Amino acid sequence: MFKREDRRVARTKRHRRLRQRIAGTQDSPRLAVARSLKHVYAQVIDDQSGTTLAFASSLDPEIKSKAKNGGNTETARLVGKLIAQRAQEKGIKRVVFDRGGNLYHGRVAAVAEGARESGLEF
């Protein structure tokens, strides 16, 4: 069985390996997803200029009022919809998905599905 430290190191290695191939541009910024035990966070990032273009999390008042728990897949889907809405307000229609070294499963996949439902293209 893995220890917590081993899992963290493995996730960090996967994330570094992914970031060698994935980079956000002005035309197609990077949609980065991070998760903790209690919350889910999503950012749309332009790596060329080093700026965050849009941000959403389960801590946003819009989501907190609708969801009881910040760390489940229903809330993650709402975060995906909110980040897509905020990105489209800034004229962003296409993004590159960065799962942050996490497996594409559960809350990470729910963020992606929510963003796709709201019109973002990956």
N, C-alpha and C. Protein backbone atom coordinates (compact mmCIF):
# COMPACT_ATOMS: atom_id res chain seq x y z
N MET A 1 0.83 -1.18 0.00
CA MET A 1 0.00 0.00 0.00
C MET A 1 0.88 1.24 0.00
N PHE A 2 0.47 2.24 -0.78
CA PHE A 2 1.23 3.49 -0.86
C PHE A 2 1.05 4.33 0.38
N LYS A 3 2.09 4.99 0.74
CA LYS A 3 1.98 5.99 1.79
C LYS A 3 1.54 7.30 1.15
N ARG A 4 1.04 8.20 1.97
CA ARG A 4 0.58 9.49 1.47
C ARG A 4 1.70 10.22 0.75
N GLU A 5 2.90 10.18 1.29
CA GLU A 5 4.04 10.87 0.68
C GLU A 5 4.36 10.29 -0.69
N ASP A 6 4.29 8.97 -0.83
CA ASP A 6 4.56 8.33 -2.12
C ASP A 6 3.55 8.75 -3.17
N ARG A 7 2.27 8.86 -2.79
CA ARG A 7 1.23 9.28 -3.73
C ARG A 7 1.46 10.71 -4.18
N ARG A 8 1.85 11.57 -3.24
CA ARG A 8 2.10 12.98 -3.56
C ARG A 8 3.27 13.12 -4.52
N VAL A 9 4.33 12.36 -4.27
CA VAL A 9 5.51 12.41 -5.14
C VAL A 9 5.16 11.89 -6.53
N ALA A 10 4.39 10.82 -6.61
CA ALA A 10 4.00 10.26 -7.90
C ALA A 10 3.14 11.25 -8.68
N ARG A 11 2.21 11.92 -8.01
CA ARG A 11 1.37 12.91 -8.67
C ARG A 11 2.20 14.08 -9.18
N THR A 12 3.17 14.51 -8.40
CA THR A 12 4.04 15.61 -8.81
C THR A 12 4.87 15.21 -10.03
N LYS A 13 5.35 13.99 -10.08
CA LYS A 13 6.11 13.53 -11.24
C LYS A 13 5.24 13.48 -12.49
N ARG A 14 4.00 13.00 -12.33
CA ARG A 14 3.08 12.96 -13.47
C ARG A 14 2.79 14.37 -13.96
N HIS A 15 2.61 15.30 -13.03
CA HIS A 15 2.30 16.67 -13.42
C HIS A 15 3.47 17.31 -14.17
N ARG A 16 4.68 17.09 -13.70
CA ARG A 16 5.85 17.64 -14.41
C ARG A 16 5.95 17.07 -15.82
N ARG A 17 5.69 15.77 -15.94
CA ARG A 17 5.76 15.12 -17.25
C ARG A 17 4.68 15.68 -18.19
N LEU A 18 3.48 15.90 -17.67
CA LEU A 18 2.40 16.48 -18.47
C LEU A 18 2.72 17.90 -18.92
N ARG A 19 3.28 18.69 -18.00
CA ARG A 19 3.55 20.11 -18.30
C ARG A 19 4.63 20.29 -19.36
N GLN A 20 5.43 19.25 -19.62
CA GLN A 20 6.40 19.34 -20.71
C GLN A 20 5.69 19.36 -22.05
N ARG A 21 4.51 18.74 -22.11
CA ARG A 21 3.77 18.65 -23.37
C ARG A 21 2.65 19.66 -23.47
N ILE A 22 2.12 20.10 -22.34
CA ILE A 22 0.95 20.98 -22.34
C ILE A 22 1.37 22.40 -21.99
N ALA A 23 0.98 23.34 -22.83
CA ALA A 23 1.22 24.75 -22.53
C ALA A 23 0.05 25.56 -23.10
N GLY A 24 -0.37 26.54 -22.35
CA GLY A 24 -1.47 27.39 -22.78
C GLY A 24 -0.97 28.57 -23.59
N THR A 25 -1.63 28.85 -24.69
CA THR A 25 -1.29 30.00 -25.51
C THR A 25 -2.44 31.01 -25.43
N GLN A 26 -2.28 32.13 -26.09
CA GLN A 26 -3.34 33.11 -26.07
C GLN A 26 -4.58 32.60 -26.81
N ASP A 27 -4.36 31.85 -27.90
CA ASP A 27 -5.48 31.29 -28.67
C ASP A 27 -6.15 30.13 -27.93
N SER A 28 -5.34 29.33 -27.25
CA SER A 28 -5.84 28.15 -26.55
C SER A 28 -5.18 28.05 -25.18
N PRO A 29 -5.71 28.75 -24.18
CA PRO A 29 -5.10 28.72 -22.85
C PRO A 29 -5.30 27.38 -22.15
N ARG A 30 -4.62 27.22 -21.05
CA ARG A 30 -4.63 25.96 -20.30
C ARG A 30 -5.68 26.04 -19.20
N LEU A 31 -6.54 25.02 -19.13
CA LEU A 31 -7.51 24.90 -18.05
C LEU A 31 -6.92 23.96 -17.02
N ALA A 32 -6.40 24.52 -15.94
CA ALA A 32 -5.74 23.75 -14.89
C ALA A 32 -6.74 23.45 -13.78
N VAL A 33 -6.77 22.19 -13.36
CA VAL A 33 -7.67 21.75 -12.29
C VAL A 33 -6.83 21.29 -11.11
N ALA A 34 -7.19 21.77 -9.93
CA ALA A 34 -6.55 21.34 -8.69
C ALA A 34 -7.65 20.91 -7.73
N ARG A 35 -7.33 19.96 -6.89
CA ARG A 35 -8.33 19.51 -5.93
C ARG A 35 -7.67 19.28 -4.58
N SER A 36 -8.44 19.52 -3.55
CA SER A 36 -8.03 19.18 -2.21
C SER A 36 -9.08 18.24 -1.66
N LEU A 37 -8.97 17.88 -0.42
CA LEU A 37 -9.97 16.97 0.13
C LEU A 37 -11.34 17.63 0.22
N LYS A 38 -11.37 18.95 0.42
CA LYS A 38 -12.64 19.64 0.63
C LYS A 38 -13.12 20.47 -0.55
N HIS A 39 -12.23 20.85 -1.48
CA HIS A 39 -12.61 21.79 -2.51
C HIS A 39 -11.99 21.44 -3.86
N VAL A 40 -12.53 22.09 -4.92
CA VAL A 40 -12.04 21.93 -6.28
C VAL A 40 -11.78 23.33 -6.83
N TYR A 41 -10.67 23.49 -7.55
CA TYR A 41 -10.28 24.79 -8.10
C TYR A 41 -10.00 24.62 -9.58
N ALA A 42 -10.31 25.63 -10.38
CA ALA A 42 -10.03 25.61 -11.81
C ALA A 42 -9.57 27.00 -12.25
N GLN A 43 -8.54 27.03 -13.10
CA GLN A 43 -8.02 28.29 -13.63
C GLN A 43 -7.83 28.16 -15.12
N VAL A 44 -8.03 29.25 -15.84
CA VAL A 44 -7.68 29.32 -17.26
C VAL A 44 -6.45 30.21 -17.32
N ILE A 45 -5.33 29.63 -17.82
CA ILE A 45 -4.03 30.29 -17.73
C ILE A 45 -3.42 30.45 -19.12
N ASP A 46 -2.88 31.64 -19.39
CA ASP A 46 -2.08 31.90 -20.58
C ASP A 46 -0.62 31.80 -20.15
N ASP A 47 0.05 30.71 -20.53
CA ASP A 47 1.42 30.47 -20.09
C ASP A 47 2.43 31.39 -20.78
N GLN A 48 2.11 31.89 -21.95
CA GLN A 48 3.05 32.77 -22.64
C GLN A 48 3.23 34.08 -21.89
N SER A 49 2.13 34.64 -21.39
CA SER A 49 2.23 35.90 -20.64
C SER A 49 2.28 35.65 -19.13
N GLY A 50 1.99 34.41 -18.71
CA GLY A 50 2.04 34.08 -17.29
C GLY A 50 0.89 34.68 -16.50
N THR A 51 -0.29 34.78 -17.11
CA THR A 51 -1.43 35.39 -16.43
C THR A 51 -2.59 34.41 -16.31
N THR A 52 -3.35 34.57 -15.24
CA THR A 52 -4.58 33.82 -15.06
C THR A 52 -5.71 34.63 -15.66
N LEU A 53 -6.42 34.04 -16.61
CA LEU A 53 -7.48 34.74 -17.32
C LEU A 53 -8.84 34.59 -16.64
N ALA A 54 -9.07 33.44 -16.02
CA ALA A 54 -10.34 33.20 -15.32
C ALA A 54 -10.08 32.20 -14.20
N PHE A 55 -10.90 32.29 -13.15
CA PHE A 55 -10.73 31.43 -11.99
C PHE A 55 -12.10 31.09 -11.42
N ALA A 56 -12.25 29.85 -10.97
CA ALA A 56 -13.48 29.42 -10.29
C ALA A 56 -13.12 28.33 -9.29
N SER A 57 -13.86 28.28 -8.21
CA SER A 57 -13.62 27.22 -7.23
C SER A 57 -14.92 26.92 -6.50
N SER A 58 -14.88 25.86 -5.71
CA SER A 58 -16.06 25.49 -4.93
C SER A 58 -16.28 26.46 -3.77
N LEU A 59 -15.37 27.40 -3.58
CA LEU A 59 -15.52 28.42 -2.54
C LEU A 59 -16.27 29.65 -3.02
N ASP A 60 -16.52 29.75 -4.33
CA ASP A 60 -17.24 30.90 -4.88
C ASP A 60 -18.66 30.94 -4.30
N PRO A 61 -19.15 32.14 -3.99
CA PRO A 61 -20.50 32.24 -3.41
C PRO A 61 -21.59 31.66 -4.31
N GLU A 62 -21.42 31.76 -5.62
CA GLU A 62 -22.42 31.21 -6.55
C GLU A 62 -22.55 29.70 -6.40
N ILE A 63 -21.44 29.04 -6.14
CA ILE A 63 -21.45 27.58 -6.02
C ILE A 63 -21.77 27.16 -4.59
N LYS A 64 -21.25 27.90 -3.63
CA LYS A 64 -21.50 27.57 -2.22
C LYS A 64 -22.98 27.58 -1.88
N SER A 65 -23.74 28.47 -2.52
CA SER A 65 -25.17 28.55 -2.25
C SER A 65 -25.92 27.35 -2.83
N LYS A 66 -25.38 26.75 -3.90
CA LYS A 66 -26.07 25.63 -4.55
C LYS A 66 -25.63 24.28 -4.00
N ALA A 67 -24.38 24.17 -3.52
CA ALA A 67 -23.84 22.88 -3.11
C ALA A 67 -23.60 22.85 -1.61
N LYS A 68 -23.91 21.72 -1.01
CA LYS A 68 -23.68 21.56 0.42
C LYS A 68 -22.21 21.26 0.71
N ASN A 69 -21.62 20.44 -0.15
CA ASN A 69 -20.27 19.96 0.08
C ASN A 69 -19.37 20.43 -1.06
N GLY A 70 -18.19 20.94 -0.75
CA GLY A 70 -17.29 21.44 -1.78
C GLY A 70 -16.43 20.38 -2.42
N GLY A 71 -16.45 19.17 -1.92
CA GLY A 71 -15.53 18.15 -2.41
C GLY A 71 -16.19 16.96 -3.07
N ASN A 72 -17.32 17.16 -3.75
CA ASN A 72 -17.93 16.03 -4.44
C ASN A 72 -18.05 16.32 -5.94
N THR A 73 -18.47 15.32 -6.71
CA THR A 73 -18.50 15.45 -8.16
C THR A 73 -19.58 16.42 -8.64
N GLU A 74 -20.67 16.53 -7.91
CA GLU A 74 -21.72 17.49 -8.31
C GLU A 74 -21.19 18.91 -8.24
N THR A 75 -20.48 19.21 -7.18
CA THR A 75 -19.89 20.54 -7.02
C THR A 75 -18.81 20.76 -8.08
N ALA A 76 -18.02 19.73 -8.37
CA ALA A 76 -16.98 19.85 -9.39
C ALA A 76 -17.58 20.17 -10.75
N ARG A 77 -18.72 19.57 -11.07
CA ARG A 77 -19.39 19.87 -12.34
C ARG A 77 -19.84 21.33 -12.37
N LEU A 78 -20.33 21.84 -11.24
CA LEU A 78 -20.72 23.25 -11.16
C LEU A 78 -19.51 24.17 -11.35
N VAL A 79 -18.36 23.78 -10.81
CA VAL A 79 -17.13 24.56 -10.99
C VAL A 79 -16.75 24.57 -12.47
N GLY A 80 -16.89 23.43 -13.14
CA GLY A 80 -16.60 23.37 -14.58
C GLY A 80 -17.51 24.29 -15.38
N LYS A 81 -18.78 24.30 -15.03
CA LYS A 81 -19.72 25.19 -15.74
C LYS A 81 -19.40 26.66 -15.49
N LEU A 82 -19.04 26.99 -14.25
CA LEU A 82 -18.72 28.37 -13.92
C LEU A 82 -17.44 28.84 -14.60
N ILE A 83 -16.41 27.99 -14.64
CA ILE A 83 -15.16 28.40 -15.30
C ILE A 83 -15.38 28.57 -16.79
N ALA A 84 -16.23 27.72 -17.38
CA ALA A 84 -16.53 27.87 -18.82
C ALA A 84 -17.26 29.17 -19.08
N GLN A 85 -18.20 29.50 -18.22
CA GLN A 85 -18.96 30.75 -18.37
C GLN A 85 -18.02 31.95 -18.26
N ARG A 86 -17.15 31.95 -17.27
CA ARG A 86 -16.23 33.07 -17.08
C ARG A 86 -15.21 33.17 -18.21
N ALA A 87 -14.78 32.03 -18.74
CA ALA A 87 -13.83 32.04 -19.86
C ALA A 87 -14.50 32.58 -21.12
N GLN A 88 -15.75 32.19 -21.35
CA GLN A 88 -16.46 32.66 -22.54
C GLN A 88 -16.76 34.14 -22.47
N GLU A 89 -16.95 34.67 -21.26
CA GLU A 89 -17.13 36.12 -21.11
C GLU A 89 -15.89 36.88 -21.56
N LYS A 90 -14.73 36.23 -21.45
CA LYS A 90 -13.47 36.86 -21.87
C LYS A 90 -13.12 36.51 -23.31
N GLY A 91 -14.01 35.80 -24.01
CA GLY A 91 -13.79 35.48 -25.42
C GLY A 91 -13.01 34.21 -25.65
N ILE A 92 -12.91 33.35 -24.66
CA ILE A 92 -12.15 32.09 -24.79
C ILE A 92 -13.14 30.97 -25.09
N LYS A 93 -12.88 30.27 -26.20
CA LYS A 93 -13.77 29.18 -26.59
C LYS A 93 -13.06 27.83 -26.57
N ARG A 94 -11.73 27.85 -26.73
CA ARG A 94 -10.95 26.62 -26.83
C ARG A 94 -9.86 26.63 -25.77
N VAL A 95 -9.69 25.51 -25.06
CA VAL A 95 -8.66 25.40 -24.02
C VAL A 95 -7.94 24.05 -24.15
N VAL A 96 -6.81 23.97 -23.46
CA VAL A 96 -6.07 22.72 -23.32
C VAL A 96 -6.26 22.27 -21.88
N PHE A 97 -6.67 21.03 -21.66
CA PHE A 97 -7.00 20.56 -20.31
C PHE A 97 -5.75 20.05 -19.60
N ASP A 98 -5.53 20.55 -18.38
CA ASP A 98 -4.41 20.14 -17.54
C ASP A 98 -4.99 19.54 -16.26
N ARG A 99 -4.87 18.24 -16.12
CA ARG A 99 -5.46 17.55 -14.97
C ARG A 99 -4.58 17.61 -13.73
N GLY A 100 -3.43 18.25 -13.83
CA GLY A 100 -2.58 18.48 -12.67
C GLY A 100 -1.94 17.23 -12.11
N GLY A 101 -1.74 16.21 -12.93
CA GLY A 101 -1.14 14.98 -12.45
C GLY A 101 -2.13 14.03 -11.81
N ASN A 102 -3.36 14.47 -11.63
CA ASN A 102 -4.40 13.60 -11.06
C ASN A 102 -4.95 12.70 -12.15
N LEU A 103 -5.53 11.59 -11.75
CA LEU A 103 -6.17 10.71 -12.72
C LEU A 103 -7.41 11.39 -13.28
N TYR A 104 -7.70 11.14 -14.55
CA TYR A 104 -8.91 11.71 -15.17
C TYR A 104 -10.08 10.85 -14.72
N HIS A 105 -10.56 11.15 -13.53
CA HIS A 105 -11.59 10.35 -12.91
C HIS A 105 -12.23 11.18 -11.80
N GLY A 106 -13.48 10.93 -11.50
CA GLY A 106 -14.12 11.58 -10.37
C GLY A 106 -14.27 13.07 -10.54
N ARG A 107 -13.75 13.84 -9.58
CA ARG A 107 -13.95 15.29 -9.58
C ARG A 107 -13.23 15.98 -10.73
N VAL A 108 -12.05 15.47 -11.11
CA VAL A 108 -11.31 16.07 -12.23
C VAL A 108 -12.10 15.90 -13.52
N ALA A 109 -12.62 14.72 -13.75
CA ALA A 109 -13.43 14.47 -14.94
C ALA A 109 -14.73 15.26 -14.90
N ALA A 110 -15.30 15.45 -13.71
CA ALA A 110 -16.55 16.20 -13.58
C ALA A 110 -16.34 17.67 -13.95
N VAL A 111 -15.20 18.24 -13.60
CA VAL A 111 -14.90 19.62 -14.00
C VAL A 111 -14.85 19.71 -15.52
N ALA A 112 -14.17 18.75 -16.15
CA ALA A 112 -14.07 18.75 -17.61
C ALA A 112 -15.44 18.60 -18.26
N GLU A 113 -16.27 17.70 -17.75
CA GLU A 113 -17.60 17.50 -18.32
C GLU A 113 -18.46 18.75 -18.17
N GLY A 114 -18.38 19.39 -17.01
CA GLY A 114 -19.14 20.62 -16.79
C GLY A 114 -18.71 21.73 -17.74
N ALA A 115 -17.41 21.84 -17.97
CA ALA A 115 -16.90 22.86 -18.88
C ALA A 115 -17.34 22.57 -20.31
N ARG A 116 -17.32 21.30 -20.71
CA ARG A 116 -17.77 20.93 -22.05
C ARG A 116 -19.26 21.20 -22.24
N GLU A 117 -20.05 20.89 -21.20
CA GLU A 117 -21.49 21.14 -21.27
C GLU A 117 -21.81 22.61 -21.49
N SER A 118 -20.96 23.46 -20.94
CA SER A 118 -21.18 24.90 -21.06
C SER A 118 -20.56 25.51 -22.30
N GLY A 119 -19.92 24.69 -23.13
CA GLY A 119 -19.47 25.18 -24.44
C GLY A 119 -17.99 25.32 -24.65
N LEU A 120 -17.14 25.01 -23.66
CA LEU A 120 -15.70 25.05 -23.91
C LEU A 120 -15.28 23.85 -24.74
N GLU A 121 -14.35 24.05 -25.65
CA GLU A 121 -13.83 22.96 -26.48
C GLU A 121 -12.44 22.59 -25.99
N PHE A 122 -12.17 21.30 -25.90
CA PHE A 122 -10.85 20.80 -25.50
C PHE A 122 -10.17 20.23 -26.71
